[in-house]
Amino acid sequence: MLSQKTKDKIITASGFALSGLLLGPVLVVFFFGYEFDRVIKGMLGGFLVLSLSAIFELFIFPAFFKKYRFILTVVIRLIFYIDLICVTVIIIWVAHESFVNDMGFFDMMSTDKFFHFLFYGDFRYIFIAAVFAISNVVFFIQVSNLMGRGVLVNYITGKYHKPKTEERIFMFLDLVSSTQTAEKFGAKNYHKFMNAYFYDINDPIVESKGEIYQYAGDEVIISWKKEKGLEDNNCINCFFEIKNRIFELKEKYEEYFGVVPSNKAGLHCGEVVTGEVGDSKREIVFHGDVMNTTARIQSVAKELDKQILISESLYNSLIDKSGFKFINLGSFKLKGKEEETVLYSVEK
């Protein structure tokens, strides 16, 4: 069966393909004026370019570019998309002219008409527009990937330029025995281990509609808008999907690193203020007691050797508690907190 992530990718790719059917003709008419033949070519070109772009971006490039540095990734992407647009335009033009003039495909490519199209006709403007548009799009994609999903868009739109109050769920996910592992591996090998771990747990986080807020040493802070985190118990399922993912990759970790990652997690929900901070380095950050409380809950999980602990406020917010075993562990005096907090362990 297809995973939810794969289904989402297919839906996204389909959306891009349909968008191409509409966007292609609009651009053709805007730049070159209305002609029926041009509109049809625009539809075919838009469909093919956006379909193939979506397939490569969603299914191929994420793993392929993992090994390459920023500038090389930008250059490869730029060359690929310019070539994709140019080749698509040439194929559609040649196919159309071959049909109209009752000529073979390759025979048409040897004519003066094809030469004129490339060097004196519309293709010149298409090429220039492609270079300009793709350069900006590729740079946007790369910077967006570096900053995190949705962060760049939030900066550009100024969504959090003025602080906003939000209800959010947080998970502090900590790697067990990380200090001993770091001492055993040394700095470079430990970095490779952590990089592999962070990469491998990304899919379960995305599938659960979570947002990676920060990598803090050996810890990952994951956030959900409250409604998304409660939907289908995404915030809790995320932890167990991460656990399943690491189990699936157990042999890889044993072979390459000699150790398999394991986690402890604390979850809590509440009101935070979300806004931009800083000057020479700006970030979108969360401020509020919920952050400190979640960190303390995660510490208790380590002390009690529990896989995952959640606060009573999150437990009471859950819409559907089926599929999990919740155990009330009683009240705890969390560090820095005056009132005690009731905690639940979760098993599946």
C-alpha atoms as a PDB file:
ATOM      1  CA  MET A   1       0.000   0.000   0.000  1.00  0.00           C
ATOM      2  CA  LEU A   2       1.089   3.552  -0.675  1.00  0.00           C
ATOM      3  CA  SER A   3       2.166   5.606   2.325  1.00  0.00           C
ATOM      4  CA  GLN A   4       0.343   8.812   3.153  1.00  0.00           C
ATOM      5  CA  LYS A   5       3.401  10.766   2.064  1.00  0.00           C
ATOM      6  CA  THR A   6       3.418   9.073  -1.363  1.00  0.00           C
ATOM      7  CA  LYS A   7      -0.303   9.726  -1.761  1.00  0.00           C
ATOM      8  CA  ASP A   8       0.235  13.382  -0.880  1.00  0.00           C
ATOM      9  CA  LYS A   9       3.048  13.593  -3.425  1.00  0.00           C
ATOM     10  CA  ILE A  10       0.853  12.086  -6.151  1.00  0.00           C
ATOM     11  CA  ILE A  11      -1.933  14.550  -5.348  1.00  0.00           C
ATOM     12  CA  THR A  12       0.560  17.431  -5.408  1.00  0.00           C
ATOM     13  CA  ALA A  13       2.039  16.287  -8.734  1.00  0.00           C
ATOM     14  CA  SER A  14      -1.459  16.000 -10.207  1.00  0.00           C
ATOM     15  CA  GLY A  15      -2.203  19.536  -9.060  1.00  0.00           C
ATOM     16  CA  PHE A  16       0.939  20.815 -10.774  1.00  0.00           C
ATOM     17  CA  ALA A  17       0.027  18.978 -13.973  1.00  0.00           C
ATOM     18  CA  LEU A  18      -3.447  20.519 -14.050  1.00  0.00           C
ATOM     19  CA  SER A  19      -1.982  23.932 -13.261  1.00  0.00           C
ATOM     20  CA  GLY A  20       0.291  23.539 -16.277  1.00  0.00           C
ATOM     21  CA  LEU A  21      -2.716  23.094 -18.552  1.00  0.00           C
ATOM     22  CA  LEU A  22      -3.950  26.518 -17.451  1.00  0.00           C
ATOM     23  CA  LEU A  23      -0.675  28.376 -16.915  1.00  0.00           C
ATOM     24  CA  GLY A  24       0.910  27.395 -20.245  1.00  0.00           C
ATOM     25  CA  PRO A  25      -1.726  29.017 -22.503  1.00  0.00           C
ATOM     26  CA  VAL A  26      -1.934  32.099 -20.274  1.00  0.00           C
ATOM     27  CA  LEU A  27       1.821  32.741 -20.565  1.00  0.00           C
ATOM     28  CA  VAL A  28       1.820  32.089 -24.307  1.00  0.00           C
ATOM     29  CA  VAL A  29      -1.021  34.555 -24.912  1.00  0.00           C
ATOM     30  CA  PHE A  30       0.546  37.135 -22.575  1.00  0.00           C
ATOM     31  CA  PHE A  31       3.967  37.091 -24.269  1.00  0.00           C
ATOM     32  CA  PHE A  32       3.149  36.220 -27.883  1.00  0.00           C
ATOM     33  CA  GLY A  33      -0.515  37.092 -28.439  1.00  0.00           C
ATOM     34  CA  TYR A  34      -3.457  34.848 -29.189  1.00  0.00           C
ATOM     35  CA  GLU A  35      -3.247  32.154 -31.851  1.00  0.00           C
ATOM     36  CA  PHE A  36      -5.124  28.894 -31.527  1.00  0.00           C
ATOM     37  CA  ASP A  37      -2.044  26.801 -32.373  1.00  0.00           C
ATOM     38  CA  ARG A  38       0.017  28.655 -29.769  1.00  0.00           C
ATOM     39  CA  VAL A  39      -2.637  28.057 -27.105  1.00  0.00           C
ATOM     40  CA  ILE A  40      -2.586  24.303 -27.783  1.00  0.00           C
ATOM     41  CA  LYS A  41       1.212  24.262 -27.680  1.00  0.00           C
ATOM     42  CA  GLY A  42       1.085  26.226 -24.445  1.00  0.00           C
ATOM     43  CA  MET A  43      -1.272  23.684 -22.875  1.00  0.00           C
ATOM     44  CA  LEU A  44       0.937  20.750 -23.874  1.00  0.00           C
ATOM     45  CA  GLY A  45       4.126  22.537 -22.830  1.00  0.00           C
ATOM     46  CA  GLY A  46       2.744  23.665 -19.488  1.00  0.00           C
ATOM     47  CA  PHE A  47       1.398  20.198 -18.732  1.00  0.00           C
ATOM     48  CA  LEU A  48       4.659  18.421 -19.586  1.00  0.00           C
ATOM     49  CA  VAL A  49       7.000  20.904 -17.874  1.00  0.00           C
ATOM     50  CA  LEU A  50       5.071  21.140 -14.605  1.00  0.00           C
ATOM     51  CA  SER A  51       4.308  17.399 -14.521  1.00  0.00           C
ATOM     52  CA  LEU A  52       7.949  16.423 -14.979  1.00  0.00           C
ATOM     53  CA  SER A  53       9.116  19.164 -12.614  1.00  0.00           C
ATOM     54  CA  ALA A  54       6.770  17.907  -9.885  1.00  0.00           C
ATOM     55  CA  ILE A  55       7.881  14.299 -10.384  1.00  0.00           C
ATOM     56  CA  PHE A  56      11.567  15.212 -10.105  1.00  0.00           C
ATOM     57  CA  GLU A  57      11.086  17.618  -7.187  1.00  0.00           C
ATOM     58  CA  LEU A  58       8.908  15.253  -5.167  1.00  0.00           C
ATOM     59  CA  PHE A  59      10.299  11.805  -5.951  1.00  0.00           C
ATOM     60  CA  ILE A  60      13.882  12.136  -7.206  1.00  0.00           C
ATOM     61  CA  PHE A  61      15.677  15.330  -6.195  1.00  0.00           C
ATOM     62  CA  PRO A  62      15.266  15.180  -2.372  1.00  0.00           C
ATOM     63  CA  ALA A  63      17.466  12.068  -2.065  1.00  0.00           C
ATOM     64  CA  PHE A  64      19.723  12.963  -5.011  1.00  0.00           C
ATOM     65  CA  PHE A  65      20.714  16.399  -3.720  1.00  0.00           C
ATOM     66  CA  LYS A  66      21.283  15.251  -0.142  1.00  0.00           C
ATOM     67  CA  LYS A  67      25.002  14.748  -0.897  1.00  0.00           C
ATOM     68  CA  TYR A  68      25.644  18.039  -2.693  1.00  0.00           C
ATOM     69  CA  ARG A  69      26.456  21.501  -1.394  1.00  0.00           C
ATOM     70  CA  PHE A  70      24.175  24.495  -1.924  1.00  0.00           C
ATOM     71  CA  ILE A  71      25.808  26.104  -4.990  1.00  0.00           C
ATOM     72  CA  LEU A  72      26.182  22.802  -6.866  1.00  0.00           C
ATOM     73  CA  THR A  73      22.547  21.958  -6.200  1.00  0.00           C
ATOM     74  CA  VAL A  74      21.465  25.352  -7.524  1.00  0.00           C
ATOM     75  CA  VAL A  75      23.543  24.953 -10.705  1.00  0.00           C
ATOM     76  CA  ILE A  76      22.327  21.391 -11.400  1.00  0.00           C
ATOM     77  CA  ARG A  77      18.707  22.348 -10.814  1.00  0.00           C
ATOM     78  CA  LEU A  78      19.080  25.436 -13.021  1.00  0.00           C
ATOM     79  CA  ILE A  79      20.579  23.491 -15.920  1.00  0.00           C
ATOM     80  CA  PHE A  80      18.001  20.729 -15.580  1.00  0.00           C
ATOM     81  CA  TYR A  81      14.961  23.012 -15.675  1.00  0.00           C
ATOM     82  CA  ILE A  82      16.237  25.224 -18.485  1.00  0.00           C
ATOM     83  CA  ASP A  83      16.967  22.089 -20.531  1.00  0.00           C
ATOM     84  CA  LEU A  84      13.563  20.655 -19.635  1.00  0.00           C
ATOM     85  CA  ILE A  85      11.723  23.753 -20.844  1.00  0.00           C
ATOM     86  CA  CYS A  86      13.800  24.141 -24.000  1.00  0.00           C
ATOM     87  CA  VAL A  87      13.599  20.477 -25.014  1.00  0.00           C
ATOM     88  CA  THR A  88       9.839  20.395 -24.334  1.00  0.00           C
ATOM     89  CA  VAL A  89       9.249  23.514 -26.444  1.00  0.00           C
ATOM     90  CA  ILE A  90      11.382  22.159 -29.309  1.00  0.00           C
ATOM     91  CA  ILE A  91       9.659  18.749 -29.292  1.00  0.00           C
ATOM     92  CA  ILE A  92       6.181  20.289 -29.300  1.00  0.00           C
ATOM     93  CA  TRP A  93       7.078  22.770 -32.065  1.00  0.00           C
ATOM     94  CA  VAL A  94       8.713  20.118 -34.275  1.00  0.00           C
ATOM     95  CA  ALA A  95       5.854  17.632 -33.691  1.00  0.00           C
ATOM     96  CA  HIS A  96       3.268  20.264 -34.619  1.00  0.00           C
ATOM     97  CA  GLU A  97       5.110  21.489 -37.721  1.00  0.00           C
ATOM     98  CA  SER A  98       5.781  17.914 -38.846  1.00  0.00           C
ATOM     99  CA  PHE A  99       2.071  17.158 -38.648  1.00  0.00           C
ATOM    100  CA  VAL A 100       1.010  20.358 -40.418  1.00  0.00           C
ATOM    101  CA  ASN A 101       3.587  19.980 -43.209  1.00  0.00           C
ATOM    102  CA  ASP A 102       3.295  16.190 -43.496  1.00  0.00           C
ATOM    103  CA  MET A 103       7.004  15.686 -42.817  1.00  0.00           C
ATOM    104  CA  GLY A 104       9.019  13.351 -40.664  1.00  0.00           C
ATOM    105  CA  PHE A 105      10.012  14.530 -37.187  1.00  0.00           C
ATOM    106  CA  PHE A 106      13.750  14.567 -37.887  1.00  0.00           C
ATOM    107  CA  ASP A 107      13.248  15.866 -41.416  1.00  0.00           C
ATOM    108  CA  MET A 108      11.560  18.941 -39.977  1.00  0.00           C
ATOM    109  CA  MET A 109      14.558  19.526 -37.677  1.00  0.00           C
ATOM    110  CA  SER A 110      16.815  19.830 -40.723  1.00  0.00           C
ATOM    111  CA  THR A 111      14.757  22.581 -42.384  1.00  0.00           C
ATOM    112  CA  ASP A 112      15.425  26.326 -42.528  1.00  0.00           C
ATOM    113  CA  LYS A 113      12.113  26.848 -40.744  1.00  0.00           C
ATOM    114  CA  PHE A 114      13.417  25.030 -37.666  1.00  0.00           C
ATOM    115  CA  PHE A 115      16.666  27.016 -37.810  1.00  0.00           C
ATOM    116  CA  HIS A 116      14.655  30.248 -38.007  1.00  0.00           C
ATOM    117  CA  PHE A 117      12.488  29.198 -35.040  1.00  0.00           C
ATOM    118  CA  LEU A 118      15.563  28.580 -32.885  1.00  0.00           C
ATOM    119  CA  PHE A 119      17.580  31.689 -33.695  1.00  0.00           C
ATOM    120  CA  TYR A 120      15.095  34.275 -34.974  1.00  0.00           C
ATOM    121  CA  GLY A 121      11.668  33.136 -33.810  1.00  0.00           C
ATOM    122  CA  ASP A 122       9.816  32.708 -30.522  1.00  0.00           C
ATOM    123  CA  PHE A 123      12.343  30.265 -29.060  1.00  0.00           C
ATOM    124  CA  ARG A 124      14.797  33.095 -28.260  1.00  0.00           C
ATOM    125  CA  TYR A 125      12.281  34.779 -25.984  1.00  0.00           C
ATOM    126  CA  ILE A 126      11.196  31.494 -24.435  1.00  0.00           C
ATOM    127  CA  PHE A 127      14.826  30.702 -23.583  1.00  0.00           C
ATOM    128  CA  ILE A 128      15.463  34.121 -22.010  1.00  0.00           C
ATOM    129  CA  ALA A 129      12.217  33.951 -20.014  1.00  0.00           C
ATOM    130  CA  ALA A 130      13.068  30.410 -18.878  1.00  0.00           C
ATOM    131  CA  VAL A 131      16.525  31.422 -17.615  1.00  0.00           C
ATOM    132  CA  PHE A 132      15.119  34.404 -15.713  1.00  0.00           C
ATOM    133  CA  ALA A 133      12.133  32.575 -14.215  1.00  0.00           C
ATOM    134  CA  ILE A 134      13.922  29.332 -13.352  1.00  0.00           C
ATOM    135  CA  SER A 135      16.882  31.147 -11.743  1.00  0.00           C
ATOM    136  CA  ASN A 136      14.514  32.819  -9.306  1.00  0.00           C
ATOM    137  CA  VAL A 137      12.409  29.723  -8.678  1.00  0.00           C
ATOM    138  CA  VAL A 138      15.414  27.451  -8.067  1.00  0.00           C
ATOM    139  CA  PHE A 139      17.018  29.946  -5.688  1.00  0.00           C
ATOM    140  CA  PHE A 140      13.707  30.275  -3.836  1.00  0.00           C
ATOM    141  CA  ILE A 141      13.416  26.472  -3.535  1.00  0.00           C
ATOM    142  CA  GLN A 142      16.953  26.098  -2.193  1.00  0.00           C
ATOM    143  CA  VAL A 143      16.669  28.897   0.346  1.00  0.00           C
ATOM    144  CA  SER A 144      13.259  27.590   1.410  1.00  0.00           C
ATOM    145  CA  ASN A 145      14.736  24.110   1.961  1.00  0.00           C
ATOM    146  CA  LEU A 146      17.530  25.584   4.095  1.00  0.00           C
ATOM    147  CA  MET A 147      15.184  27.650   6.231  1.00  0.00           C
ATOM    148  CA  GLY A 148      12.522  24.998   6.684  1.00  0.00           C
ATOM    149  CA  ARG A 149       9.137  24.300   5.169  1.00  0.00           C
ATOM    150  CA  GLY A 150       7.015  27.432   4.949  1.00  0.00           C
ATOM    151  CA  VAL A 151       9.483  29.700   6.794  1.00  0.00           C
ATOM    152  CA  LEU A 152      10.617  31.704   3.755  1.00  0.00           C
ATOM    153  CA  VAL A 153       7.020  32.229   2.642  1.00  0.00           C
ATOM    154  CA  ASN A 154       6.189  33.498   6.130  1.00  0.00           C
ATOM    155  CA  TYR A 155       9.100  35.941   5.956  1.00  0.00           C
ATOM    156  CA  ILE A 156       8.123  37.230   2.522  1.00  0.00           C
ATOM    157  CA  THR A 157       4.452  37.635   3.393  1.00  0.00           C
ATOM    158  CA  GLY A 158       5.314  39.152   6.777  1.00  0.00           C
ATOM    159  CA  LYS A 159       2.969  36.709   8.500  1.00  0.00           C
ATOM    160  CA  TYR A 160       4.821  36.975  11.814  1.00  0.00           C
ATOM    161  CA  HIS A 161       6.321  40.455  11.426  1.00  0.00           C
ATOM    162  CA  LYS A 162       3.871  41.441  14.127  1.00  0.00           C
ATOM    163  CA  PRO A 163       3.765  38.798  16.890  1.00  0.00           C
ATOM    164  CA  LYS A 164       0.756  36.492  16.862  1.00  0.00           C
ATOM    165  CA  THR A 165      -0.756  34.332  19.564  1.00  0.00           C
ATOM    166  CA  GLU A 166      -1.276  30.710  18.529  1.00  0.00           C
ATOM    167  CA  GLU A 167      -2.340  27.446  20.112  1.00  0.00           C
ATOM    168  CA  ARG A 168       0.358  24.882  19.365  1.00  0.00           C
ATOM    169  CA  ILE A 169       1.523  21.414  20.309  1.00  0.00           C
ATOM    170  CA  PHE A 170       5.230  20.777  20.840  1.00  0.00           C
ATOM    171  CA  MET A 171       7.279  17.614  20.960  1.00  0.00           C
ATOM    172  CA  PHE A 172      10.812  17.627  22.356  1.00  0.00           C
ATOM    173  CA  LEU A 173      12.421  14.509  20.883  1.00  0.00           C
ATOM    174  CA  ASP A 174      15.704  13.518  22.475  1.00  0.00           C
ATOM    175  CA  LEU A 175      18.256  10.946  21.348  1.00  0.00           C
ATOM    176  CA  VAL A 176      19.064   8.418  24.086  1.00  0.00           C
ATOM    177  CA  SER A 177      22.712   7.968  25.156  1.00  0.00           C
ATOM    178  CA  SER A 178      23.911  10.626  22.749  1.00  0.00           C
ATOM    179  CA  THR A 179      26.836  11.694  24.955  1.00  0.00           C
ATOM    180  CA  GLN A 180      28.302   8.184  25.037  1.00  0.00           C
ATOM    181  CA  THR A 181      27.726   7.816  21.303  1.00  0.00           C
ATOM    182  CA  ALA A 182      29.522  11.100  20.593  1.00  0.00           C
ATOM    183  CA  GLU A 183      32.507  10.045  22.705  1.00  0.00           C
ATOM    184  CA  LYS A 184      32.634   6.687  20.925  1.00  0.00           C
ATOM    185  CA  PHE A 185      32.388   8.075  17.381  1.00  0.00           C
ATOM    186  CA  GLY A 186      34.400  11.271  17.499  1.00  0.00           C
ATOM    187  CA  ALA A 187      33.147  14.583  16.101  1.00  0.00           C
ATOM    188  CA  LYS A 188      33.056  13.813  12.352  1.00  0.00           C
ATOM    189  CA  ASN A 189      31.525  10.350  12.599  1.00  0.00           C
ATOM    190  CA  TYR A 190      29.021  11.584  15.157  1.00  0.00           C
ATOM    191  CA  HIS A 191      27.997  14.324  12.744  1.00  0.00           C
ATOM    192  CA  LYS A 192      27.449  11.693  10.023  1.00  0.00           C
ATOM    193  CA  PHE A 193      25.374   9.648  12.448  1.00  0.00           C
ATOM    194  CA  MET A 194      23.229  12.623  13.464  1.00  0.00           C
ATOM    195  CA  ASN A 195      22.815  13.763   9.869  1.00  0.00           C
ATOM    196  CA  ALA A 196      21.571  10.297   8.863  1.00  0.00           C
ATOM    197  CA  TYR A 197      19.224  10.228  11.852  1.00  0.00           C
ATOM    198  CA  PHE A 198      17.762  13.680  11.180  1.00  0.00           C
ATOM    199  CA  TYR A 199      17.298  12.787   7.507  1.00  0.00           C
ATOM    200  CA  ASP A 200      15.585   9.469   8.259  1.00  0.00           C
ATOM    201  CA  ILE A 201      13.075  10.878  10.745  1.00  0.00           C
ATOM    202  CA  ASN A 202      12.042  13.715   8.446  1.00  0.00           C
ATOM    203  CA  ASP A 203       9.413  11.723   6.519  1.00  0.00           C
ATOM    204  CA  PRO A 204       7.414  10.637   9.590  1.00  0.00           C
ATOM    205  CA  ILE A 205       7.413  14.254  10.793  1.00  0.00           C
ATOM    206  CA  VAL A 206       6.186  15.565   7.441  1.00  0.00           C
ATOM    207  CA  GLU A 207       3.576  12.807   7.135  1.00  0.00           C
ATOM    208  CA  SER A 208       2.215  13.748  10.551  1.00  0.00           C
ATOM    209  CA  LYS A 209       1.938  17.399   9.367  1.00  0.00           C
ATOM    210  CA  GLY A 210       4.570  18.461  11.868  1.00  0.00           C
ATOM    211  CA  GLU A 211       7.048  21.322  11.446  1.00  0.00           C
ATOM    212  CA  ILE A 212      10.663  21.023  12.542  1.00  0.00           C
ATOM    213  CA  TYR A 213      11.238  24.104  14.657  1.00  0.00           C
ATOM    214  CA  GLN A 214      14.830  23.463  15.708  1.00  0.00           C
ATOM    215  CA  TYR A 215      17.657  20.974  15.780  1.00  0.00           C
ATOM    216  CA  ALA A 216      19.222  21.559  19.187  1.00  0.00           C
ATOM    217  CA  GLY A 217      22.264  19.324  19.525  1.00  0.00           C
ATOM    218  CA  ASP A 218      20.878  15.794  19.679  1.00  0.00           C
ATOM    219  CA  GLU A 219      17.321  17.046  20.140  1.00  0.00           C
ATOM    220  CA  VAL A 220      14.604  17.848  17.619  1.00  0.00           C
ATOM    221  CA  ILE A 221      11.809  20.260  18.496  1.00  0.00           C
ATOM    222  CA  ILE A 222       8.670  19.547  16.456  1.00  0.00           C
ATOM    223  CA  SER A 223       5.615  21.775  16.364  1.00  0.00           C
ATOM    224  CA  TRP A 224       2.029  21.536  15.176  1.00  0.00           C
ATOM    225  CA  LYS A 225      -0.744  24.054  15.025  1.00  0.00           C
ATOM    226  CA  LYS A 226      -3.084  22.556  17.566  1.00  0.00           C
ATOM    227  CA  GLU A 227      -5.825  21.485  15.157  1.00  0.00           C
ATOM    228  CA  LYS A 228      -3.325  19.731  12.876  1.00  0.00           C
ATOM    229  CA  GLY A 229      -1.594  17.997  15.764  1.00  0.00           C
ATOM    230  CA  LEU A 230      -4.889  16.690  17.171  1.00  0.00           C
ATOM    231  CA  GLU A 231      -6.184  15.585  13.769  1.00  0.00           C
ATOM    232  CA  ASP A 232      -5.834  11.772  13.591  1.00  0.00           C
ATOM    233  CA  ASN A 233      -3.606  12.067  16.702  1.00  0.00           C
ATOM    234  CA  ASN A 234      -0.786  13.287  14.439  1.00  0.00           C
ATOM    235  CA  CYS A 235       1.320  14.571  17.320  1.00  0.00           C
ATOM    236  CA  ILE A 236       1.417  11.159  19.036  1.00  0.00           C
ATOM    237  CA  ASN A 237       1.502   9.056  15.890  1.00  0.00           C
ATOM    238  CA  CYS A 238       4.573  11.020  14.836  1.00  0.00           C
ATOM    239  CA  PHE A 239       6.631   9.511  17.662  1.00  0.00           C
ATOM    240  CA  PHE A 240       5.624   5.933  16.873  1.00  0.00           C
ATOM    241  CA  GLU A 241       6.131   6.418  13.131  1.00  0.00           C
ATOM    242  CA  ILE A 242       9.647   7.689  13.856  1.00  0.00           C
ATOM    243  CA  LYS A 243      10.220   4.612  15.990  1.00  0.00           C
ATOM    244  CA  ASN A 244       8.958   2.347  13.192  1.00  0.00           C
ATOM    245  CA  ARG A 245      11.116   4.129  10.633  1.00  0.00           C
ATOM    246  CA  ILE A 246      14.274   3.650  12.701  1.00  0.00           C
ATOM    247  CA  PHE A 247      13.368  -0.014  13.234  1.00  0.00           C
ATOM    248  CA  GLU A 248      13.057  -0.473   9.456  1.00  0.00           C
ATOM    249  CA  LEU A 249      16.562   0.988   9.076  1.00  0.00           C
ATOM    250  CA  LYS A 250      18.020  -0.983  11.989  1.00  0.00           C
ATOM    251  CA  GLU A 251      20.374  -3.036   9.823  1.00  0.00           C
ATOM    252  CA  LYS A 252      21.704   0.057   8.075  1.00  0.00           C
ATOM    253  CA  TYR A 253      22.539   1.735  11.381  1.00  0.00           C
ATOM    254  CA  GLU A 254      24.139  -1.406  12.781  1.00  0.00           C
ATOM    255  CA  GLU A 255      26.249  -1.858   9.648  1.00  0.00           C
ATOM    256  CA  TYR A 256      27.432   1.735   9.278  1.00  0.00           C
ATOM    257  CA  PHE A 257      27.471   2.990  12.873  1.00  0.00           C
ATOM    258  CA  GLY A 258      27.197  -0.025  15.163  1.00  0.00           C
ATOM    259  CA  VAL A 259      24.375   1.622  17.102  1.00  0.00           C
ATOM    260  CA  VAL A 260      20.651   2.115  16.501  1.00  0.00           C
ATOM    261  CA  PRO A 261      19.065   5.439  17.555  1.00  0.00           C
ATOM    262  CA  SER A 262      16.322   5.417  20.189  1.00  0.00           C
ATOM    263  CA  ASN A 263      14.280   8.314  21.512  1.00  0.00           C
ATOM    264  CA  LYS A 264      12.491   9.780  24.496  1.00  0.00           C
ATOM    265  CA  ALA A 265       9.831  12.406  23.943  1.00  0.00           C
ATOM    266  CA  GLY A 266       7.763  14.909  25.874  1.00  0.00           C
ATOM    267  CA  LEU A 267       4.615  16.560  24.497  1.00  0.00           C
ATOM    268  CA  HIS A 268       2.593  19.491  25.700  1.00  0.00           C
ATOM    269  CA  CYS A 269       0.202  22.044  24.227  1.00  0.00           C
ATOM    270  CA  GLY A 270      -0.666  25.621  24.969  1.00  0.00           C
ATOM    271  CA  GLU A 271      -0.539  29.224  23.889  1.00  0.00           C
ATOM    272  CA  VAL A 272       2.629  30.689  22.397  1.00  0.00           C
ATOM    273  CA  VAL A 273       3.552  34.009  20.862  1.00  0.00           C
ATOM    274  CA  THR A 274       5.029  33.560  17.383  1.00  0.00           C
ATOM    275  CA  GLY A 275       7.080  36.354  15.832  1.00  0.00           C
ATOM    276  CA  GLU A 276      10.269  37.489  14.127  1.00  0.00           C
ATOM    277  CA  VAL A 277      13.319  38.341  16.242  1.00  0.00           C
ATOM    278  CA  GLY A 278      16.870  39.491  15.571  1.00  0.00           C
ATOM    279  CA  ASP A 279      18.599  41.913  13.240  1.00  0.00           C
ATOM    280  CA  SER A 280      21.663  40.603  11.344  1.00  0.00           C
ATOM    281  CA  LYS A 281      20.184  37.113  11.796  1.00  0.00           C
ATOM    282  CA  ARG A 282      16.409  36.944  11.854  1.00  0.00           C
ATOM    283  CA  GLU A 283      14.341  33.988  12.964  1.00  0.00           C
ATOM    284  CA  ILE A 284      10.697  33.160  13.520  1.00  0.00           C
ATOM    285  CA  VAL A 285      10.526  31.945  17.124  1.00  0.00           C
ATOM    286  CA  PHE A 286       8.012  30.729  19.689  1.00  0.00           C
ATOM    287  CA  HIS A 287       7.858  32.250  23.138  1.00  0.00           C
ATOM    288  CA  GLY A 288       5.786  30.990  26.008  1.00  0.00           C
ATOM    289  CA  ASP A 289       5.702  28.764  29.056  1.00  0.00           C
ATOM    290  CA  VAL A 290       4.600  25.808  26.935  1.00  0.00           C
ATOM    291  CA  MET A 291       8.142  25.529  25.543  1.00  0.00           C
ATOM    292  CA  ASN A 292       9.777  25.262  28.971  1.00  0.00           C
ATOM    293  CA  THR A 293       7.122  22.867  30.219  1.00  0.00           C
ATOM    294  CA  THR A 294       7.572  20.537  27.231  1.00  0.00           C
ATOM    295  CA  ALA A 295      11.331  20.471  27.805  1.00  0.00           C
ATOM    296  CA  ARG A 296      10.769  19.546  31.471  1.00  0.00           C
ATOM    297  CA  ILE A 297       8.322  16.769  30.511  1.00  0.00           C
ATOM    298  CA  GLN A 298      10.909  15.324  28.150  1.00  0.00           C
ATOM    299  CA  SER A 299      13.449  15.343  31.002  1.00  0.00           C
ATOM    300  CA  VAL A 300      11.019  13.381  33.195  1.00  0.00           C
ATOM    301  CA  ALA A 301      10.627  10.836  30.371  1.00  0.00           C
ATOM    302  CA  LYS A 302      14.380  10.232  30.528  1.00  0.00           C
ATOM    303  CA  GLU A 303      14.370  10.018  34.333  1.00  0.00           C
ATOM    304  CA  LEU A 304      11.508   7.512  34.372  1.00  0.00           C
ATOM    305  CA  ASP A 305      12.810   5.654  31.290  1.00  0.00           C
ATOM    306  CA  LYS A 306       9.500   6.182  29.488  1.00  0.00           C
ATOM    307  CA  GLN A 307       9.367   6.386  25.704  1.00  0.00           C
ATOM    308  CA  ILE A 308       6.843   9.190  25.534  1.00  0.00           C
ATOM    309  CA  LEU A 309       5.099  11.367  28.109  1.00  0.00           C
ATOM    310  CA  ILE A 310       2.304  13.840  27.481  1.00  0.00           C
ATOM    311  CA  SER A 311       0.780  16.479  29.702  1.00  0.00           C
ATOM    312  CA  GLU A 312      -2.740  16.290  31.097  1.00  0.00           C
ATOM    313  CA  SER A 313      -3.742  19.328  29.031  1.00  0.00           C
ATOM    314  CA  LEU A 314      -2.767  17.527  25.823  1.00  0.00           C
ATOM    315  CA  TYR A 315      -4.433  14.311  27.010  1.00  0.00           C
ATOM    316  CA  ASN A 316      -7.687  16.202  27.641  1.00  0.00           C
ATOM    317  CA  SER A 317      -7.449  17.860  24.211  1.00  0.00           C
ATOM    318  CA  LEU A 318      -7.208  14.575  22.292  1.00  0.00           C
ATOM    319  CA  ILE A 319     -10.302  13.969  20.211  1.00  0.00           C
ATOM    320  CA  ASP A 320      -9.902  10.201  19.853  1.00  0.00           C
ATOM    321  CA  LYS A 321      -7.944   8.215  22.412  1.00  0.00           C
ATOM    322  CA  SER A 322      -8.444   4.815  20.744  1.00  0.00           C
ATOM    323  CA  GLY A 323      -5.399   2.984  19.430  1.00  0.00           C
ATOM    324  CA  PHE A 324      -3.213   3.986  22.388  1.00  0.00           C
ATOM    325  CA  LYS A 325      -2.799   2.952  25.990  1.00  0.00           C
ATOM    326  CA  PHE A 326      -2.582   5.976  28.281  1.00  0.00           C
ATOM    327  CA  ILE A 327      -1.273   5.461  31.804  1.00  0.00           C
ATOM    328  CA  ASN A 328      -1.765   8.194  34.403  1.00  0.00           C
ATOM    329  CA  LEU A 329       1.559   8.506  36.235  1.00  0.00           C
ATOM    330  CA  GLY A 330       0.311  11.102  38.686  1.00  0.00           C
ATOM    331  CA  SER A 331       1.449  14.642  39.427  1.00  0.00           C
ATOM    332  CA  PHE A 332       5.027  15.857  39.046  1.00  0.00           C
ATOM    333  CA  LYS A 333       6.787  18.945  40.282  1.00  0.00           C
ATOM    334  CA  LEU A 334       8.548  20.091  37.149  1.00  0.00           C
ATOM    335  CA  LYS A 335      11.695  22.195  37.496  1.00  0.00           C
ATOM    336  CA  GLY A 336      10.868  25.895  37.508  1.00  0.00           C
ATOM    337  CA  LYS A 337       7.110  25.277  37.850  1.00  0.00           C
ATOM    338  CA  GLU A 338       5.098  26.187  40.936  1.00  0.00           C
ATOM    339  CA  GLU A 339       2.119  23.966  40.193  1.00  0.00           C
ATOM    340  CA  GLU A 340       2.391  20.229  39.720  1.00  0.00           C
ATOM    341  CA  THR A 341       1.709  18.729  36.292  1.00  0.00           C
ATOM    342  CA  VAL A 342      -0.141  15.468  35.678  1.00  0.00           C
ATOM    343  CA  LEU A 343       1.660  13.297  33.159  1.00  0.00           C
ATOM    344  CA  TYR A 344       0.574  10.307  31.055  1.00  0.00           C
ATOM    345  CA  SER A 345       2.790   7.713  29.436  1.00  0.00           C
ATOM    346  CA  VAL A 346       1.667   6.453  26.050  1.00  0.00           C
ATOM    347  CA  GLU A 347       1.994   2.963  24.633  1.00  0.00           C
ATOM    348  CA  LYS A 348       0.856   1.498  21.346  1.00  0.00           C
END
